[in-house]
């Protein structure tokens, strides 16, 4: 058994004695002691007191030291960027946010990200080489194998830009890149639904997309495009879509499409944000348009329910937070159009992370890479930094 496998037992945060670790791992106590000493030498594990005495000298307890290293999570939206510094348990330490248009281009946006990350590290009295990974979500299609955005509709200048390489050169650690909806699904699942192994998060904003977690694993598909619900055709629709096709869900149910529908009803509204404001003010026209959009989204989600059988659907994004009518339209169609067995225990819920799902998921992405067995074992064989002071919280 590798040292990383002993460490994996401690990642749940529960303290254990050497004897407990020996029972759980099947290793001899002497082997467990050797692995624990190795992990303590690089700071990943620390003693946290003694177990209750059973008559002799009490055994020492050991646990994950979450402050041994730090990670950076980055959520890039259409008009905002959030950078968060977090410990190895995923708890946020400090964060920066900027209103920054992604259309300004990769070097402008990522330059701000790199500067913000360095500033956060310095403010906490840490060194840059204590950052073991960066996770970043982008608002467009990402080729999973390379981490490069591919023809992202709202990201001019980003096509095939080497996001991971550019940031790695400036921050000196591995960079993991995914699309924003995937990392939102990760963040929502780990934060609000940790016991749920089958979950779909659908983001409804300027565009529409979904992150799919099945069997406890994020499903990206062969090239990273799994969950692109926005370009599934809605039966009977001929609305032109920015992708070049007609009748796409995004073209009839995303924020701009709802705003256009309201203008047809004589309501002066220009943006997704104004649609949200109208809904919050109780506009009957907004309620009608949002419920109709919800029904269209429900038609596509019903197919998803029948295909992947999630136990939870999370509705997130700018429109979802202020629109009970959107939820009502989705639920109405999903429960009617899906198989009874698939919906028997299905929950459809609003996001519980209050807009932080993206950055929370980016942190998870970074931690899962940094603490993966191969990466951790490589560091233990040839540590790239001196042992860190042990600071348990």
Protein backbone atom coordinates (compact mmCIF):
# COMPACT_ATOMS: atom_id res chain seq x y z
CA UNK A 1 0.00 0.00 0.00
CA UNK A 2 1.28 3.46 -0.90
CA UNK A 3 1.60 6.31 1.58
CA UNK A 4 -1.11 8.18 -0.36
CA UNK A 5 -3.59 5.42 0.44
CA UNK A 6 -3.06 5.90 4.16
CA UNK A 7 -3.48 9.63 3.63
CA UNK A 8 -6.71 8.98 1.73
CA UNK A 9 -8.18 7.38 4.86
CA UNK A 10 -7.55 10.61 6.76
CA UNK A 11 -9.00 12.97 4.16
CA UNK A 12 -12.47 12.78 5.70
CA UNK A 13 -11.14 14.90 8.57
CA UNK A 14 -11.72 12.26 11.27
CA UNK A 15 -8.76 11.69 13.58
CA UNK A 16 -7.49 8.12 13.96
CA UNK A 17 -4.85 6.25 15.90
CA UNK A 18 -2.14 4.14 14.26
CA UNK A 19 -4.04 1.03 15.37
CA UNK A 20 -7.26 2.22 13.75
CA UNK A 21 -5.41 2.98 10.53
CA UNK A 22 -3.82 -0.47 10.64
CA UNK A 23 -7.25 -2.12 10.96
CA UNK A 24 -8.76 -0.04 8.15
CA UNK A 25 -5.83 -0.50 5.78
CA UNK A 26 -4.89 -4.08 6.61
CA UNK A 27 -1.26 -3.05 7.12
CA UNK A 28 0.98 -3.85 10.06
CA UNK A 29 1.12 -1.13 12.70
CA UNK A 30 4.83 -0.63 11.99
CA UNK A 31 4.09 0.05 8.31
CA UNK A 32 1.35 2.52 9.23
CA UNK A 33 3.77 4.30 11.56
CA UNK A 34 6.29 4.63 8.71
CA UNK A 35 3.67 6.13 6.38
CA UNK A 36 2.44 8.51 9.09
CA UNK A 37 6.01 9.71 9.71
CA UNK A 38 6.41 10.37 5.97
CA UNK A 39 3.18 12.39 5.86
CA UNK A 40 4.10 14.34 8.98
CA UNK A 41 7.49 15.13 7.45
CA UNK A 42 5.83 17.16 4.67
CA UNK A 43 3.11 18.55 6.92
CA UNK A 44 0.07 16.82 5.40
CA UNK A 45 -0.75 14.99 8.64
CA UNK A 46 -0.39 16.18 12.22
CA UNK A 47 -1.01 14.80 15.73
CA UNK A 48 -4.22 16.16 17.23
CA UNK A 49 -4.16 14.84 20.78
CA UNK A 50 -4.68 11.48 22.39
CA UNK A 51 -7.41 8.88 22.23
CA UNK A 52 -9.27 7.89 25.37
CA UNK A 53 -7.10 5.70 27.57
CA UNK A 54 -8.04 2.05 28.00
CA UNK A 55 -5.63 1.48 30.88
CA UNK A 56 -2.18 2.20 29.49
CA UNK A 57 -0.57 5.15 27.81
CA UNK A 58 -3.17 6.78 25.52
CA UNK A 59 -2.58 6.36 21.80
CA UNK A 60 -1.89 9.45 19.68
CA UNK A 61 -4.51 10.62 17.19
CA UNK A 62 -3.57 11.81 13.70
CA UNK A 63 -5.58 13.82 11.18
CA UNK A 64 -5.32 15.75 7.95
CA UNK A 65 -3.57 19.09 8.43
CA UNK A 66 -5.70 21.28 6.13
CA UNK A 67 -3.32 24.24 6.38
CA UNK A 68 -0.31 22.27 5.12
CA UNK A 69 -0.79 23.70 1.62
CA UNK A 70 -3.29 25.92 -0.16
CA UNK A 71 -5.13 25.87 -3.49
CA UNK A 72 -6.68 28.57 -5.64
CA UNK A 73 -10.18 28.38 -7.12
CA UNK A 74 -11.19 30.70 -9.98
CA UNK A 75 -14.68 31.33 -11.35
CA UNK A 76 -14.68 33.30 -14.60
CA UNK A 77 -18.13 34.52 -15.61
CA UNK A 78 -19.29 36.61 -18.54
CA UNK A 79 -18.82 39.83 -16.58
CA UNK A 80 -17.12 38.84 -13.31
CA UNK A 81 -14.14 36.95 -11.94
CA UNK A 82 -13.80 35.45 -8.44
CA UNK A 83 -10.48 34.17 -7.08
CA UNK A 84 -10.43 32.28 -3.78
CA UNK A 85 -7.59 30.93 -1.66
CA UNK A 86 -8.62 27.76 0.21
CA UNK A 87 -7.07 25.13 2.45
CA UNK A 88 -6.90 21.40 1.74
CA UNK A 89 -10.28 20.74 3.33
CA UNK A 90 -11.87 23.17 0.85
CA UNK A 91 -12.56 25.92 3.38
CA UNK A 92 -12.14 29.39 1.93
CA UNK A 93 -9.43 31.56 3.48
CA UNK A 94 -9.68 34.77 1.47
CA UNK A 95 -11.17 35.91 -1.85
CA UNK A 96 -11.10 38.71 -4.42
CA UNK A 97 -13.77 39.65 -6.93
CA UNK A 98 -13.73 41.96 -9.94
CA UNK A 99 -16.32 43.09 -12.46
CA UNK A 100 -14.39 42.14 -15.59
CA UNK A 101 -15.78 41.37 -19.03
CA UNK A 102 -14.52 38.03 -20.37
CA UNK A 103 -14.59 39.62 -23.86
CA UNK A 104 -11.55 41.68 -22.87
CA UNK A 105 -9.52 38.60 -23.75
CA UNK A 106 -7.49 35.90 -22.01
CA UNK A 107 -4.40 37.90 -21.14
CA UNK A 108 -6.38 40.72 -19.53
CA UNK A 109 -8.60 38.37 -17.53
CA UNK A 110 -5.93 35.84 -16.58
CA UNK A 111 -3.48 38.63 -15.79
CA UNK A 112 -5.93 39.88 -13.16
CA UNK A 113 -6.40 36.31 -11.89
CA UNK A 114 -2.64 35.77 -11.47
CA UNK A 115 -2.20 39.12 -9.71
CA UNK A 116 -5.15 38.49 -7.39
CA UNK A 117 -3.89 35.00 -6.51
CA UNK A 118 -0.41 36.27 -5.67
CA UNK A 119 -1.87 39.08 -3.57
CA UNK A 120 -4.11 36.71 -1.59
CA UNK A 121 -1.20 34.36 -0.89
CA UNK A 122 0.99 37.24 0.32
CA UNK A 123 -1.80 38.72 2.47
CA UNK A 124 -2.06 35.41 4.34
CA UNK A 125 1.67 35.31 5.01
CA UNK A 126 2.11 32.28 2.75
CA UNK A 127 4.63 31.61 -0.01
CA UNK A 128 3.66 31.07 -3.64
CA UNK A 129 5.24 27.61 -3.63
CA UNK A 130 2.69 26.56 -1.01
CA UNK A 131 -0.02 26.74 -3.71
CA UNK A 132 -0.26 23.16 -4.99
CA UNK A 133 -2.93 23.61 -7.68
CA UNK A 134 -5.30 26.07 -9.33
CA UNK A 135 -8.80 25.15 -10.54
CA UNK A 136 -10.54 27.45 -13.01
CA UNK A 137 -13.97 27.41 -14.65
CA UNK A 138 -14.68 29.21 -17.93
CA UNK A 139 -18.06 30.25 -19.41
CA UNK A 140 -17.71 28.25 -22.62
CA UNK A 141 -16.84 24.84 -24.07
CA UNK A 142 -13.52 23.44 -22.83
CA UNK A 143 -11.63 20.54 -24.39
CA UNK A 144 -11.01 18.42 -21.33
CA UNK A 145 -7.78 16.78 -22.50
CA UNK A 146 -6.01 20.11 -23.10
CA UNK A 147 -7.95 22.55 -20.93
CA UNK A 148 -8.30 24.89 -23.91
CA UNK A 149 -11.56 26.73 -24.69
CA UNK A 150 -12.97 25.73 -28.09
CA UNK A 151 -14.93 28.31 -30.10
CA UNK A 152 -16.55 29.86 -26.99
CA UNK A 153 -19.43 32.08 -28.20
CA UNK A 154 -19.03 34.89 -25.65
CA UNK A 155 -15.23 34.75 -25.31
CA UNK A 156 -13.59 36.44 -28.32
CA UNK A 157 -9.87 35.79 -28.48
CA UNK A 158 -10.01 32.72 -26.21
CA UNK A 159 -10.27 29.99 -28.87
CA UNK A 160 -7.59 27.37 -28.13
CA UNK A 161 -5.75 29.73 -25.78
CA UNK A 162 -3.45 27.76 -23.45
CA UNK A 163 -5.11 28.84 -20.21
CA UNK A 164 -3.37 26.21 -18.08
CA UNK A 165 0.08 26.87 -19.50
CA UNK A 166 -0.24 30.66 -19.28
CA UNK A 167 -1.24 30.57 -15.60
CA UNK A 168 1.23 27.82 -14.73
CA UNK A 169 4.11 29.99 -15.91
CA UNK A 170 3.00 32.78 -13.57
CA UNK A 171 1.90 30.80 -10.52
CA UNK A 172 4.27 27.84 -10.70
CA UNK A 173 1.80 25.01 -10.10
CA UNK A 174 -0.59 22.72 -12.04
CA UNK A 175 -3.73 24.40 -13.42
CA UNK A 176 -6.97 22.47 -14.04
CA UNK A 177 -9.49 24.00 -16.46
CA UNK A 178 -13.15 23.09 -17.01
CA UNK A 179 -16.34 24.79 -18.13
CA UNK A 180 -18.30 26.76 -15.58
CA UNK A 181 -21.32 24.46 -15.39
CA UNK A 182 -19.20 21.40 -14.61
CA UNK A 183 -17.45 23.13 -11.73
CA UNK A 184 -20.78 24.50 -10.48
CA UNK A 185 -22.11 20.93 -10.33
CA UNK A 186 -19.03 19.88 -8.35
CA UNK A 187 -19.37 22.83 -5.98
CA UNK A 188 -23.08 22.32 -5.40
CA UNK A 189 -22.71 18.59 -4.83
CA UNK A 190 -19.82 18.87 -2.36
CA UNK A 191 -21.35 21.82 -0.50
CA UNK A 192 -25.05 21.02 -0.30
CA UNK A 193 -25.55 17.40 -1.44
CA UNK A 194 -22.46 15.44 -0.26
CA UNK A 195 -24.35 12.16 0.05
CA UNK A 196 -25.87 12.41 -3.44
CA UNK A 197 -24.04 10.43 -6.13
CA UNK A 198 -26.38 11.25 -9.05
CA UNK A 199 -27.03 14.93 -9.61
CA UNK A 200 -27.66 17.26 -12.54
CA UNK A 201 -27.13 21.00 -12.26
CA UNK A 202 -28.72 23.13 -14.98
CA UNK A 203 -27.56 26.72 -15.29
CA UNK A 204 -30.07 29.16 -16.79
CA UNK A 205 -28.62 32.55 -17.62
CA UNK A 206 -27.43 34.11 -20.89
CA UNK A 207 -26.96 30.51 -22.02
CA UNK A 208 -28.17 27.13 -20.76
CA UNK A 209 -25.95 24.19 -19.83
CA UNK A 210 -25.76 21.29 -17.40
CA UNK A 211 -23.18 19.58 -15.25
CA UNK A 212 -23.82 15.87 -14.76
CA UNK A 213 -22.56 13.86 -11.79
CA UNK A 214 -23.34 10.16 -12.13
CA UNK A 215 -22.15 7.46 -9.76
CA UNK A 216 -20.29 10.14 -7.81
CA UNK A 217 -18.18 11.20 -10.80
CA UNK A 218 -18.40 14.24 -13.01
CA UNK A 219 -19.29 13.13 -16.54
CA UNK A 220 -17.51 15.17 -19.19
CA UNK A 221 -17.92 12.88 -22.19
CA UNK A 222 -15.27 12.05 -24.80
CA UNK A 223 -14.19 15.65 -25.46
CA UNK A 224 -15.71 17.58 -22.58
CA UNK A 225 -19.05 18.61 -24.12
CA UNK A 226 -21.40 16.43 -22.07
CA UNK A 227 -24.31 18.42 -20.67
CA UNK A 228 -24.59 21.03 -23.42
CA UNK A 229 -28.38 21.22 -23.11
CA UNK A 230 -28.56 24.67 -24.62
CA UNK A 231 -28.19 23.26 -28.12
CA UNK A 232 -30.71 20.43 -27.84
CA UNK A 233 -33.63 21.14 -30.17
CA UNK A 234 -36.99 22.01 -28.67
CA UNK A 235 -39.74 20.28 -30.70
CA UNK A 236 -41.69 22.70 -32.88
CA UNK A 237 -39.33 25.64 -32.46
CA UNK A 238 -37.64 27.37 -35.40
CA UNK A 239 -35.99 30.20 -33.45
CA UNK A 240 -32.50 30.93 -34.84
CA UNK A 241 -29.64 30.20 -32.45
CA UNK A 242 -26.21 31.83 -32.31
CA UNK A 243 -24.69 28.39 -32.99
CA UNK A 244 -26.17 28.51 -36.51
CA UNK A 245 -28.96 25.98 -35.96
CA UNK A 246 -32.65 26.55 -35.31
CA UNK A 247 -34.85 25.68 -32.36
CA UNK A 248 -32.10 25.26 -29.75
CA UNK A 249 -33.23 25.40 -26.12
CA UNK A 250 -30.98 28.42 -25.52
CA UNK A 251 -32.69 30.29 -28.37
CA UNK A 252 -36.12 29.94 -26.73
CA UNK A 253 -35.52 29.76 -22.97
CA UNK A 254 -32.28 31.57 -22.00
CA UNK A 255 -32.26 35.13 -20.64
CA UNK A 256 -32.04 36.99 -23.97
CA UNK A 257 -34.84 34.85 -25.44
CA UNK A 258 -37.10 35.58 -22.46
CA UNK A 259 -36.34 39.30 -22.79
CA UNK A 260 -37.27 39.13 -26.49
CA UNK A 261 -40.54 37.36 -25.63
CA UNK A 262 -41.39 40.12 -23.15
CA UNK A 263 -40.69 42.81 -25.72
CA UNK A 264 -43.18 41.09 -28.01
CA UNK A 265 -45.71 41.50 -25.18
CA UNK A 266 -44.96 45.23 -25.06
CA UNK A 267 -42.68 45.17 -22.02
CA UNK A 268 -39.59 47.40 -22.27
CA UNK A 269 -36.83 45.01 -21.20
CA UNK A 270 -33.37 44.63 -22.70
CA UNK A 271 -31.34 42.15 -20.64
CA UNK A 272 -31.37 39.05 -18.46
CA UNK A 273 -30.84 41.27 -15.42
CA UNK A 274 -33.94 43.30 -16.22
CA UNK A 275 -35.96 40.09 -16.58
CA UNK A 276 -34.85 39.11 -13.05
CA UNK A 277 -35.84 42.55 -11.74
CA UNK A 278 -39.29 42.33 -13.34
CA UNK A 279 -39.85 38.89 -11.85
CA UNK A 280 -38.86 40.17 -8.39
CA UNK A 281 -41.37 43.04 -8.79
CA UNK A 282 -44.21 40.60 -9.52
CA UNK A 283 -44.71 41.42 -13.21
CA UNK A 284 -47.42 39.08 -14.60
CA UNK A 285 -45.84 39.26 -18.08
CA UNK A 286 -42.47 38.18 -16.65
CA UNK A 287 -44.16 35.36 -14.73
CA UNK A 288 -45.84 34.13 -17.91
CA UNK A 289 -42.63 34.27 -19.96
CA UNK A 290 -40.56 32.54 -17.26
CA UNK A 291 -43.08 29.74 -16.79
CA UNK A 292 -43.11 29.15 -20.57
CA UNK A 293 -39.31 29.06 -20.59
CA UNK A 294 -39.40 26.62 -17.68
CA UNK A 295 -41.68 24.29 -19.65
CA UNK A 296 -39.25 24.33 -22.59
CA UNK A 297 -36.34 23.55 -20.27
CA UNK A 298 -38.46 20.84 -18.66
CA UNK A 299 -38.96 19.13 -22.03
CA UNK A 300 -35.20 18.73 -22.41
CA UNK A 301 -34.60 17.85 -18.76
CA UNK A 302 -37.25 15.11 -18.96
CA UNK A 303 -35.07 13.41 -21.57
CA UNK A 304 -32.06 13.80 -19.26
CA UNK A 305 -34.01 12.26 -16.37
CA UNK A 306 -34.99 9.26 -18.46
CA UNK A 307 -31.44 8.88 -19.77
CA UNK A 308 -29.22 9.31 -16.68
CA UNK A 309 -31.76 8.99 -13.82
CA UNK A 310 -30.48 11.62 -11.34
CA UNK A 311 -31.89 11.81 -7.83
CA UNK A 312 -31.52 15.59 -7.70
CA UNK A 313 -31.82 18.38 -10.28
CA UNK A 314 -30.39 21.73 -9.20
CA UNK A 315 -31.60 24.83 -11.03
CA UNK A 316 -28.92 27.54 -10.88
CA UNK A 317 -27.81 30.62 -12.75
CA UNK A 318 -28.90 34.24 -12.74
CA UNK A 319 -32.48 33.56 -13.82
CA UNK A 320 -33.07 30.68 -11.43
CA UNK A 321 -32.42 32.62 -8.25
CA UNK A 322 -35.35 35.02 -8.65
CA UNK A 323 -37.89 33.00 -10.57
CA UNK A 324 -40.24 30.59 -8.85
CA UNK A 325 -42.23 30.54 -12.09
CA UNK A 326 -39.22 29.08 -13.93
CA UNK A 327 -39.00 26.28 -11.35
CA UNK A 328 -42.74 25.66 -11.60
CA UNK A 329 -42.57 25.31 -15.39
CA UNK A 330 -39.61 22.94 -15.20
CA UNK A 331 -41.22 20.75 -12.53
CA UNK A 332 -44.57 20.64 -14.33
CA UNK A 333 -43.06 19.09 -17.46
CA UNK A 334 -40.32 16.94 -15.91
CA UNK A 335 -42.74 15.10 -13.64
CA UNK A 336 -45.26 14.68 -16.44
CA UNK A 337 -42.88 13.60 -19.20
CA UNK A 338 -40.40 11.39 -17.30
CA UNK A 339 -40.86 7.75 -16.34
CA UNK A 340 -42.64 7.29 -12.99
CA UNK A 341 -39.80 5.18 -11.56
CA UNK A 342 -37.27 7.87 -12.50
CA UNK A 343 -39.23 10.62 -10.74
CA UNK A 344 -40.47 8.65 -7.73
CA UNK A 345 -37.81 10.17 -5.47
CA UNK A 346 -36.52 12.93 -7.75
CA UNK A 347 -35.97 16.32 -6.13
CA UNK A 348 -35.87 19.56 -8.12
CA UNK A 349 -34.26 22.29 -6.03
CA UNK A 350 -32.78 25.75 -6.31
CA UNK A 351 -29.05 26.24 -5.85
CA UNK A 352 -28.06 26.43 -2.18
CA UNK A 353 -24.66 28.03 -2.70
CA UNK A 354 -25.87 31.61 -3.35
CA UNK A 355 -23.72 32.16 -6.41
CA UNK A 356 -20.58 30.51 -5.01
CA UNK A 357 -21.00 27.10 -6.66
CA UNK A 358 -18.46 27.92 -9.38
CA UNK A 359 -15.60 28.96 -7.12
CA UNK A 360 -16.39 26.14 -4.66
CA UNK A 361 -16.20 23.64 -7.53
CA UNK A 362 -12.94 25.15 -8.80
CA UNK A 363 -11.46 24.62 -5.33
CA UNK A 364 -12.63 20.98 -5.39
CA UNK A 365 -11.05 20.52 -8.83
CA UNK A 366 -7.70 21.80 -7.52
CA UNK A 367 -7.77 19.72 -4.33
CA UNK A 368 -8.74 16.50 -6.10
CA UNK A 369 -5.73 16.90 -8.40
CA UNK A 370 -3.23 17.95 -5.73
CA UNK A 371 -4.19 15.12 -3.37
CA UNK A 372 -4.63 12.42 -6.01
CA UNK A 373 -2.48 9.33 -5.26
CA UNK A 374 -0.05 9.77 -8.18
CA UNK A 375 0.55 13.48 -7.54
CA UNK A 376 0.88 13.06 -3.78
CA UNK A 377 3.20 10.06 -4.04
CA UNK A 378 5.41 11.98 -6.48
CA UNK A 379 5.77 14.80 -3.96
CA UNK A 380 6.50 12.39 -1.13
CA UNK A 381 9.29 10.75 -3.15
CA UNK A 382 10.86 14.07 -4.15
CA UNK A 383 9.34 16.91 -2.13
CA UNK A 384 9.44 20.18 -4.01
CA UNK A 385 9.28 22.36 -0.91
CA UNK A 386 10.46 22.21 2.69
CA UNK A 387 8.18 20.83 5.40
CA UNK A 388 5.54 23.37 6.43
CA UNK A 389 4.83 24.43 9.98
CA UNK A 390 1.96 22.50 11.50
CA UNK A 391 -1.00 24.78 12.24
CA UNK A 392 -4.12 22.80 13.10
CA UNK A 393 -7.52 24.52 13.16
